[in-house]
C-alpha atoms as a PDB file:
ATOM      1  CA  MET A   1      98.389 118.811 105.946  1.00  0.00           C
ATOM      2  CA  THR A   2      97.864 121.874 103.754  1.00  0.00           C
ATOM      3  CA  THR A   3      94.494 122.050 102.006  1.00  0.00           C
ATOM      4  CA  THR A   4      94.025 123.280  98.478  1.00  0.00           C
ATOM      5  CA  THR A   5      91.026 124.136  96.338  1.00  0.00           C
ATOM      6  CA  SER A   6      92.784 123.416  93.067  1.00  0.00           C
ATOM      7  CA  SER A   7      93.077 119.918  91.673  1.00  0.00           C
ATOM      8  CA  PRO A   8      96.367 118.297  92.682  1.00  0.00           C
ATOM      9  CA  ASP A   9      98.270 115.798  90.599  1.00  0.00           C
ATOM     10  CA  ILE A  10      96.596 112.413  90.312  1.00  0.00           C
ATOM     11  CA  ILE A  11      98.834 109.354  90.510  1.00  0.00           C
ATOM     12  CA  LEU A  12      97.185 106.130  89.295  1.00  0.00           C
ATOM     13  CA  ILE A  13      98.571 102.778  90.465  1.00  0.00           C
ATOM     14  CA  ALA A  14      97.073  99.465  89.360  1.00  0.00           C
ATOM     15  CA  GLY A  15      97.089  96.167  91.213  1.00  0.00           C
ATOM     16  CA  HIS A  16      98.801  92.847  90.687  1.00  0.00           C
ATOM     17  CA  TRP A  17      99.994  91.869  87.210  1.00  0.00           C
ATOM     18  CA  LEU A  18      99.248  95.343  85.834  1.00  0.00           C
ATOM     19  CA  GLY A  19     101.235  98.327  84.642  1.00  0.00           C
ATOM     20  CA  ALA A  20     100.390 101.908  83.714  1.00  0.00           C
ATOM     21  CA  TRP A  21      98.612 100.633  80.596  1.00  0.00           C
ATOM     22  CA  ALA A  22      95.716  99.425  82.751  1.00  0.00           C
ATOM     23  CA  TRP A  23      94.560 103.034  83.207  1.00  0.00           C
ATOM     24  CA  ASP A  24      94.486 104.032  79.522  1.00  0.00           C
ATOM     25  CA  GLU A  25      90.703 104.296  79.272  1.00  0.00           C
ATOM     26  CA  VAL A  26      90.386 106.156  82.579  1.00  0.00           C
ATOM     27  CA  LEU A  27      93.015 108.661  81.471  1.00  0.00           C
ATOM     28  CA  GLU A  28      91.005 109.329  78.321  1.00  0.00           C
ATOM     29  CA  HIS A  29      88.051 110.396  80.457  1.00  0.00           C
ATOM     30  CA  LEU A  30      89.803 112.298  83.219  1.00  0.00           C
ATOM     31  CA  GLU A  31      89.386 116.020  83.035  1.00  0.00           C
ATOM     32  CA  THR A  32      92.900 117.266  83.570  1.00  0.00           C
ATOM     33  CA  ASP A  33      92.621 120.960  82.713  1.00  0.00           C
ATOM     34  CA  HIS A  34      93.967 121.879  86.140  1.00  0.00           C
ATOM     35  CA  SER A  35      95.973 118.821  87.046  1.00  0.00           C
ATOM     36  CA  ARG A  36      98.256 116.139  85.709  1.00  0.00           C
ATOM     37  CA  ALA A  37      97.098 112.538  85.796  1.00  0.00           C
ATOM     38  CA  VAL A  38      99.957 110.052  85.675  1.00  0.00           C
ATOM     39  CA  ALA A  39      99.702 106.265  85.528  1.00  0.00           C
ATOM     40  CA  VAL A  40     102.508 104.285  87.143  1.00  0.00           C
ATOM     41  CA  THR A  41     104.127 100.919  86.469  1.00  0.00           C
ATOM     42  CA  LEU A  42     105.543  99.650  89.741  1.00  0.00           C
ATOM     43  CA  PRO A  43     108.974  97.983  89.950  1.00  0.00           C
ATOM     44  CA  GLY A  44     108.574  94.302  89.250  1.00  0.00           C
ATOM     45  CA  LEU A  45     105.753  94.837  86.757  1.00  0.00           C
ATOM     46  CA  ASP A  46     107.828  96.017  83.843  1.00  0.00           C
ATOM     47  CA  GLY A  47     108.090  92.997  81.561  1.00  0.00           C
ATOM     48  CA  ASP A  48     111.363  94.284  80.118  1.00  0.00           C
ATOM     49  CA  ASP A  49     113.154  94.406  83.475  1.00  0.00           C
ATOM     50  CA  PRO A  50     115.379  91.298  83.773  1.00  0.00           C
ATOM     51  CA  GLU A  51     115.536  91.726  87.571  1.00  0.00           C
ATOM     52  CA  ARG A  52     111.827  92.295  88.113  1.00  0.00           C
ATOM     53  CA  ASP A  53     111.311  89.115  90.153  1.00  0.00           C
ATOM     54  CA  THR A  54     113.628  90.481  92.877  1.00  0.00           C
ATOM     55  CA  LYS A  55     111.606  93.641  93.540  1.00  0.00           C
ATOM     56  CA  THR A  56     110.036  94.224  96.953  1.00  0.00           C
ATOM     57  CA  LEU A  57     107.263  96.352  98.448  1.00  0.00           C
ATOM     58  CA  ASP A  58     109.969  98.728  99.648  1.00  0.00           C
ATOM     59  CA  ASP A  59     111.204  99.092  96.067  1.00  0.00           C
ATOM     60  CA  GLN A  60     107.670  99.847  94.916  1.00  0.00           C
ATOM     61  CA  ALA A  61     107.019 102.394  97.663  1.00  0.00           C
ATOM     62  CA  ALA A  62     110.346 104.103  96.909  1.00  0.00           C
ATOM     63  CA  ALA A  63     109.405 104.318  93.230  1.00  0.00           C
ATOM     64  CA  VAL A  64     106.097 106.007  94.058  1.00  0.00           C
ATOM     65  CA  LEU A  65     107.902 108.540  96.239  1.00  0.00           C
ATOM     66  CA  GLU A  66     110.374 109.200  93.414  1.00  0.00           C
ATOM     67  CA  ILE A  67     107.484 109.882  91.051  1.00  0.00           C
ATOM     68  CA  LEU A  68     105.909 112.298  93.549  1.00  0.00           C
ATOM     69  CA  ALA A  69     109.227 114.127  93.835  1.00  0.00           C
ATOM     70  CA  HIS A  70     109.610 114.202  90.043  1.00  0.00           C
ATOM     71  CA  TYR A  71     106.278 115.973  89.682  1.00  0.00           C
ATOM     72  CA  GLY A  72     107.013 118.468  92.429  1.00  0.00           C
ATOM     73  CA  VAL A  73     104.616 117.042  94.985  1.00  0.00           C
ATOM     74  CA  SER A  74     105.187 118.541  98.421  1.00  0.00           C
ATOM     75  CA  GLU A  75     103.359 119.347 101.652  1.00  0.00           C
ATOM     76  CA  ASP A  76     102.219 122.587 100.023  1.00  0.00           C
ATOM     77  CA  ARG A  77     101.192 120.796  96.833  1.00  0.00           C
ATOM     78  CA  PRO A  78     100.056 117.284  97.781  1.00  0.00           C
ATOM     79  CA  ALA A  79      98.793 114.701  95.313  1.00  0.00           C
ATOM     80  CA  THR A  80      95.828 112.393  95.030  1.00  0.00           C
ATOM     81  CA  ILE A  81      96.928 108.764  94.911  1.00  0.00           C
ATOM     82  CA  VAL A  82      94.593 106.229  93.309  1.00  0.00           C
ATOM     83  CA  ALA A  83      95.352 102.632  94.294  1.00  0.00           C
ATOM     84  CA  HIS A  84      93.637  99.621  92.787  1.00  0.00           C
ATOM     85  CA  SER A  85      93.546  96.187  94.419  1.00  0.00           C
ATOM     86  CA  GLY A  86      97.025  94.882  95.329  1.00  0.00           C
ATOM     87  CA  ALA A  87      98.584  98.324  94.961  1.00  0.00           C
ATOM     88  CA  ASN A  88      97.417  98.793  98.543  1.00  0.00           C
ATOM     89  CA  GLY A  89     100.700  97.290  99.763  1.00  0.00           C
ATOM     90  CA  PRO A  90     103.139  99.899  98.441  1.00  0.00           C
ATOM     91  CA  VAL A  91     100.611 102.715  98.783  1.00  0.00           C
ATOM     92  CA  SER A  92     100.005 101.892 102.462  1.00  0.00           C
ATOM     93  CA  LEU A  93     103.773 102.216 102.937  1.00  0.00           C
ATOM     94  CA  VAL A  94     103.815 105.583 101.151  1.00  0.00           C
ATOM     95  CA  LEU A  95     100.974 106.910 103.311  1.00  0.00           C
ATOM     96  CA  ASP A  96     102.785 105.756 106.435  1.00  0.00           C
ATOM     97  CA  ARG A  97     106.130 107.260 105.482  1.00  0.00           C
ATOM     98  CA  HIS A  98     104.999 110.561 103.963  1.00  0.00           C
ATOM     99  CA  PRO A  99     101.346 111.349 104.738  1.00  0.00           C
ATOM    100  CA  GLU A 100     102.022 115.048 104.195  1.00  0.00           C
ATOM    101  CA  LEU A 101     102.442 114.426 100.466  1.00  0.00           C
ATOM    102  CA  VAL A 102      98.932 113.040  99.983  1.00  0.00           C
ATOM    103  CA  HIS A 103      95.872 115.240  99.491  1.00  0.00           C
ATOM    104  CA  ARG A 104      93.575 112.212  99.261  1.00  0.00           C
ATOM    105  CA  VAL A 105      93.888 108.486  98.651  1.00  0.00           C
ATOM    106  CA  VAL A 106      91.291 106.768  96.487  1.00  0.00           C
ATOM    107  CA  TRP A 107      91.125 103.010  97.019  1.00  0.00           C
ATOM    108  CA  VAL A 108      89.575 101.272  93.996  1.00  0.00           C
ATOM    109  CA  ASP A 109      88.030  97.969  95.121  1.00  0.00           C
ATOM    110  CA  SER A 110      90.816  97.982  97.666  1.00  0.00           C
ATOM    111  CA  GLY A 111      91.661  99.528 101.002  1.00  0.00           C
ATOM    112  CA  PRO A 112      94.397 100.340 103.511  1.00  0.00           C
ATOM    113  CA  LEU A 113      96.393  97.523 105.043  1.00  0.00           C
ATOM    114  CA  ALA A 114      97.014  96.956 108.735  1.00  0.00           C
ATOM    115  CA  THR A 115     100.561  96.588 109.946  1.00  0.00           C
ATOM    116  CA  GLY A 116     101.877  93.050 109.609  1.00  0.00           C
ATOM    117  CA  SER A 117      99.687  92.254 106.606  1.00  0.00           C
ATOM    118  CA  VAL A 118     101.135  89.827 104.058  1.00  0.00           C
ATOM    119  CA  PHE A 119      99.431  89.181 100.747  1.00  0.00           C
ATOM    120  CA  ALA A 120     100.560  85.565 100.396  1.00  0.00           C
ATOM    121  CA  SER A 121     102.349  84.351 103.510  1.00  0.00           C
ATOM    122  CA  ASP A 122     102.069  80.745 102.321  1.00  0.00           C
ATOM    123  CA  LEU A 123     103.775  81.396  98.991  1.00  0.00           C
ATOM    124  CA  PRO A 124     106.639  78.882  98.667  1.00  0.00           C
ATOM    125  CA  GLU A 125     110.062  80.476  99.141  1.00  0.00           C
ATOM    126  CA  GLY A 126     111.317  78.969  95.907  1.00  0.00           C
ATOM    127  CA  LEU A 127     108.561  80.567  93.848  1.00  0.00           C
ATOM    128  CA  MET A 128     110.091  83.689  92.311  1.00  0.00           C
ATOM    129  CA  GLU A 129     106.930  85.049  90.706  1.00  0.00           C
ATOM    130  CA  LEU A 130     103.196  84.440  90.459  1.00  0.00           C
ATOM    131  CA  PRO A 131     101.758  84.508  86.920  1.00  0.00           C
ATOM    132  CA  LEU A 132      98.212  85.592  86.226  1.00  0.00           C
ATOM    133  CA  PRO A 133      96.123  82.474  86.938  1.00  0.00           C
ATOM    134  CA  SER A 134      93.487  81.086  84.631  1.00  0.00           C
ATOM    135  CA  PHE A 135      90.357  83.193  84.522  1.00  0.00           C
ATOM    136  CA  GLU A 136      88.414  80.279  86.002  1.00  0.00           C
ATOM    137  CA  VAL A 137      90.669  80.402  89.068  1.00  0.00           C
ATOM    138  CA  LEU A 138      90.799  84.209  89.135  1.00  0.00           C
ATOM    139  CA  ALA A 139      87.001  84.432  89.076  1.00  0.00           C
ATOM    140  CA  GLN A 140      86.933  82.502  92.348  1.00  0.00           C
ATOM    141  CA  GLN A 141      89.033  85.253  93.946  1.00  0.00           C
ATOM    142  CA  ALA A 142      87.666  88.415  92.306  1.00  0.00           C
ATOM    143  CA  SER A 143      84.680  89.350  90.184  1.00  0.00           C
ATOM    144  CA  LEU A 144      85.194  89.533  86.410  1.00  0.00           C
ATOM    145  CA  GLU A 145      81.818  91.212  85.920  1.00  0.00           C
ATOM    146  CA  GLY A 146      81.717  93.674  83.042  1.00  0.00           C
ATOM    147  CA  LEU A 147      84.828  92.400  81.261  1.00  0.00           C
ATOM    148  CA  SER A 148      84.392  91.451  77.622  1.00  0.00           C
ATOM    149  CA  THR A 149      86.265  88.664  75.877  1.00  0.00           C
ATOM    150  CA  GLU A 150      88.399  91.306  74.178  1.00  0.00           C
ATOM    151  CA  VAL A 151      89.328  92.889  77.514  1.00  0.00           C
ATOM    152  CA  LEU A 152      90.172  89.522  79.035  1.00  0.00           C
ATOM    153  CA  GLU A 153      92.387  88.697  76.062  1.00  0.00           C
ATOM    154  CA  ARG A 154      94.236  91.990  76.510  1.00  0.00           C
ATOM    155  CA  PHE A 155      94.586  91.318  80.236  1.00  0.00           C
ATOM    156  CA  ARG A 156      96.096  87.912  79.493  1.00  0.00           C
ATOM    157  CA  ALA A 157      98.429  89.241  76.792  1.00  0.00           C
ATOM    158  CA  ARG A 158      99.802  92.164  78.815  1.00  0.00           C
ATOM    159  CA  ALA A 159      99.838  90.794  82.364  1.00  0.00           C
ATOM    160  CA  VAL A 160     103.255  90.507  84.019  1.00  0.00           C
ATOM    161  CA  PRO A 161     103.892  87.922  86.773  1.00  0.00           C
ATOM    162  CA  GLU A 162     103.834  89.400  90.257  1.00  0.00           C
ATOM    163  CA  PRO A 163     107.242  89.254  92.021  1.00  0.00           C
ATOM    164  CA  GLY A 164     107.417  86.742  94.844  1.00  0.00           C
ATOM    165  CA  PRO A 165     109.125  89.150  97.292  1.00  0.00           C
ATOM    166  CA  VAL A 166     106.237  91.611  96.914  1.00  0.00           C
ATOM    167  CA  LEU A 167     103.739  88.925  97.855  1.00  0.00           C
ATOM    168  CA  ARG A 168     105.760  87.664 100.859  1.00  0.00           C
ATOM    169  CA  GLN A 169     106.858  90.936 102.470  1.00  0.00           C
ATOM    170  CA  PRO A 170     104.938  92.018 105.583  1.00  0.00           C
ATOM    171  CA  VAL A 171     103.692  95.607 105.573  1.00  0.00           C
ATOM    172  CA  GLU A 172     105.213  97.389 108.576  1.00  0.00           C
ATOM    173  CA  LEU A 173     103.411 100.620 109.538  1.00  0.00           C
ATOM    174  CA  MET A 174     104.017 102.933 112.487  1.00  0.00           C
ATOM    175  CA  ASN A 175     102.693 106.415 111.659  1.00  0.00           C
ATOM    176  CA  ASP A 176      99.084 106.950 112.752  1.00  0.00           C
ATOM    177  CA  ALA A 177      98.980 110.139 110.668  1.00  0.00           C
ATOM    178  CA  ARG A 178      98.206 107.923 107.690  1.00  0.00           C
ATOM    179  CA  ARG A 179      94.711 107.443 109.150  1.00  0.00           C
ATOM    180  CA  GLN A 180      94.044 111.193 108.986  1.00  0.00           C
ATOM    181  CA  ILE A 181      94.472 111.389 105.203  1.00  0.00           C
ATOM    182  CA  ARG A 182      91.264 112.099 103.310  1.00  0.00           C
ATOM    183  CA  THR A 183      90.137 108.759 101.957  1.00  0.00           C
ATOM    184  CA  THR A 184      87.649 107.612  99.345  1.00  0.00           C
ATOM    185  CA  LEU A 185      86.685 103.958  99.086  1.00  0.00           C
ATOM    186  CA  VAL A 186      85.338 103.047  95.655  1.00  0.00           C
ATOM    187  CA  CYS A 187      83.462  99.814  96.316  1.00  0.00           C
ATOM    188  CA  CYS A 188      82.839  97.699  93.243  1.00  0.00           C
ATOM    189  CA  SER A 189      82.633  93.956  93.817  1.00  0.00           C
ATOM    190  CA  ILE A 190      81.530  94.346  97.471  1.00  0.00           C
ATOM    191  CA  PRO A 191      78.967  97.043  98.410  1.00  0.00           C
ATOM    192  CA  GLY A 192      80.207  99.819 100.652  1.00  0.00           C
ATOM    193  CA  ALA A 193      77.735  99.016 103.433  1.00  0.00           C
ATOM    194  CA  GLN A 194      79.098  95.475 103.587  1.00  0.00           C
ATOM    195  CA  VAL A 195      82.702  96.710 103.599  1.00  0.00           C
ATOM    196  CA  LEU A 196      81.938  98.967 106.581  1.00  0.00           C
ATOM    197  CA  GLU A 197      80.147  96.157 108.369  1.00  0.00           C
ATOM    198  CA  LEU A 198      83.151  93.873 107.881  1.00  0.00           C
ATOM    199  CA  ALA A 199      85.525  96.627 108.975  1.00  0.00           C
ATOM    200  CA  HIS A 200      83.702  97.268 112.244  1.00  0.00           C
ATOM    201  CA  ALA A 201      83.478  93.515 112.846  1.00  0.00           C
ATOM    202  CA  GLY A 202      87.288  93.355 112.693  1.00  0.00           C
ATOM    203  CA  HIS A 203      87.627  91.335 109.495  1.00  0.00           C
ATOM    204  CA  PRO A 204      91.406  91.270 108.853  1.00  0.00           C
ATOM    205  CA  MET A 205      91.020  92.356 105.226  1.00  0.00           C
ATOM    206  CA  PHE A 206      88.967  95.440 106.122  1.00  0.00           C
ATOM    207  CA  ALA A 207      89.757  96.210 109.767  1.00  0.00           C
ATOM    208  CA  GLU A 208      91.990  99.206 109.020  1.00  0.00           C
ATOM    209  CA  VAL A 209      89.045 100.973 107.350  1.00  0.00           C
ATOM    210  CA  ALA A 210      87.445 101.346 110.790  1.00  0.00           C
ATOM    211  CA  ASN A 211      90.435 103.466 111.896  1.00  0.00           C
ATOM    212  CA  LEU A 212      90.140 106.048 109.123  1.00  0.00           C
ATOM    213  CA  GLU A 213      89.231 109.524 110.365  1.00  0.00           C
ATOM    214  CA  ASN A 214      88.064 111.161 107.117  1.00  0.00           C
ATOM    215  CA  LEU A 215      86.276 108.638 104.936  1.00  0.00           C
ATOM    216  CA  ASP A 216      83.919 108.748 101.949  1.00  0.00           C
ATOM    217  CA  VAL A 217      82.411 105.547 100.603  1.00  0.00           C
ATOM    218  CA  ILE A 218      81.173 105.407  97.011  1.00  0.00           C
ATOM    219  CA  ASP A 219      79.537 102.402  95.377  1.00  0.00           C
ATOM    220  CA  LEU A 220      80.422 101.672  91.761  1.00  0.00           C
ATOM    221  CA  PRO A 221      78.735  98.307  91.143  1.00  0.00           C
ATOM    222  CA  THR A 222      80.802  96.234  88.728  1.00  0.00           C
ATOM    223  CA  GLY A 223      83.642  93.720  88.875  1.00  0.00           C
ATOM    224  CA  HIS A 224      87.091  94.049  90.407  1.00  0.00           C
ATOM    225  CA  TRP A 225      88.562  95.904  87.414  1.00  0.00           C
ATOM    226  CA  PRO A 226      86.350  99.013  87.010  1.00  0.00           C
ATOM    227  CA  MET A 227      89.045 100.805  84.991  1.00  0.00           C
ATOM    228  CA  TRP A 228      87.963  98.483  82.159  1.00  0.00           C
ATOM    229  CA  SER A 229      84.306  97.808  82.909  1.00  0.00           C
ATOM    230  CA  ARG A 230      83.272 101.381  83.896  1.00  0.00           C
ATOM    231  CA  PRO A 231      86.179 103.697  83.015  1.00  0.00           C
ATOM    232  CA  ARG A 232      84.119 106.849  82.462  1.00  0.00           C
ATOM    233  CA  ASP A 233      82.315 106.521  85.790  1.00  0.00           C
ATOM    234  CA  LEU A 234      85.531 105.737  87.629  1.00  0.00           C
ATOM    235  CA  ALA A 235      87.223 108.770  86.082  1.00  0.00           C
ATOM    236  CA  LYS A 236      84.383 111.023  87.296  1.00  0.00           C
ATOM    237  CA  ILE A 237      84.727 109.672  90.826  1.00  0.00           C
ATOM    238  CA  ILE A 238      88.497 110.175  90.822  1.00  0.00           C
ATOM    239  CA  GLN A 239      88.228 113.706  89.463  1.00  0.00           C
ATOM    240  CA  SER A 240      85.585 114.655  92.021  1.00  0.00           C
ATOM    241  CA  ALA A 241      87.573 113.162  94.881  1.00  0.00           C
ATOM    242  CA  SER A 242      90.774 114.907  93.840  1.00  0.00           C
ATOM    243  CA  THR A 243      89.163 118.338  93.935  1.00  0.00           C
ATOM    244  CA  ARG A 244      87.169 117.872  97.127  1.00  0.00           C
ATOM    245  CA  VAL A 245      88.260 119.714 100.266  1.00  0.00           C
ATOM    246  CA  ASP A 246      86.588 118.775 103.559  1.00  0.00           C
END
């Protein structure tokens, strides 16, 4: 991959139930004098799309690649992709299919998937979409630390149900070049040292981290949604990562 000392485009992709709006506060803090920062709403997460519950991981990955092409991203001008939480499915596919387009990937309380991974293999076939659960249930799955009542109300009001096909589709990967991409793990709800320990122990959720060849680990202690609980600090990390050349 071609290296560059100028800041490439930054593509921000939020996790389940979220659209581009989730990055509003981070975008306010990003220094973009030498780059464009673009937040993305993946197919299936646009509440106005009447066919959103039919969208797949392939549809989402294709949409990300279309956005990269739209902004002129190429091997000579690669982008930084920022993926939060469940965005790791489509982004893992993008890295596998076109690693040459990515200057660096920043995983925000997330990480790369191993081939064959399925987010919810036990999701009933008849269930077309998965709405945002109650915050009592959600808190058992991910930390809500740092989120005010106002933020939680906004989350509830704007969340879009996650398409069933996205949650059921296995991630099929075959290009080991994805492991050579510069990678930054932003560890929020689980400390970085623990993530690395789990990765080297072969934990299925973190095992692929152990295969990465160019990895930085940064702790940002907070809950699972740092774009709301610590947006300024997250923006600084993203900006620094996007301009770093190893």
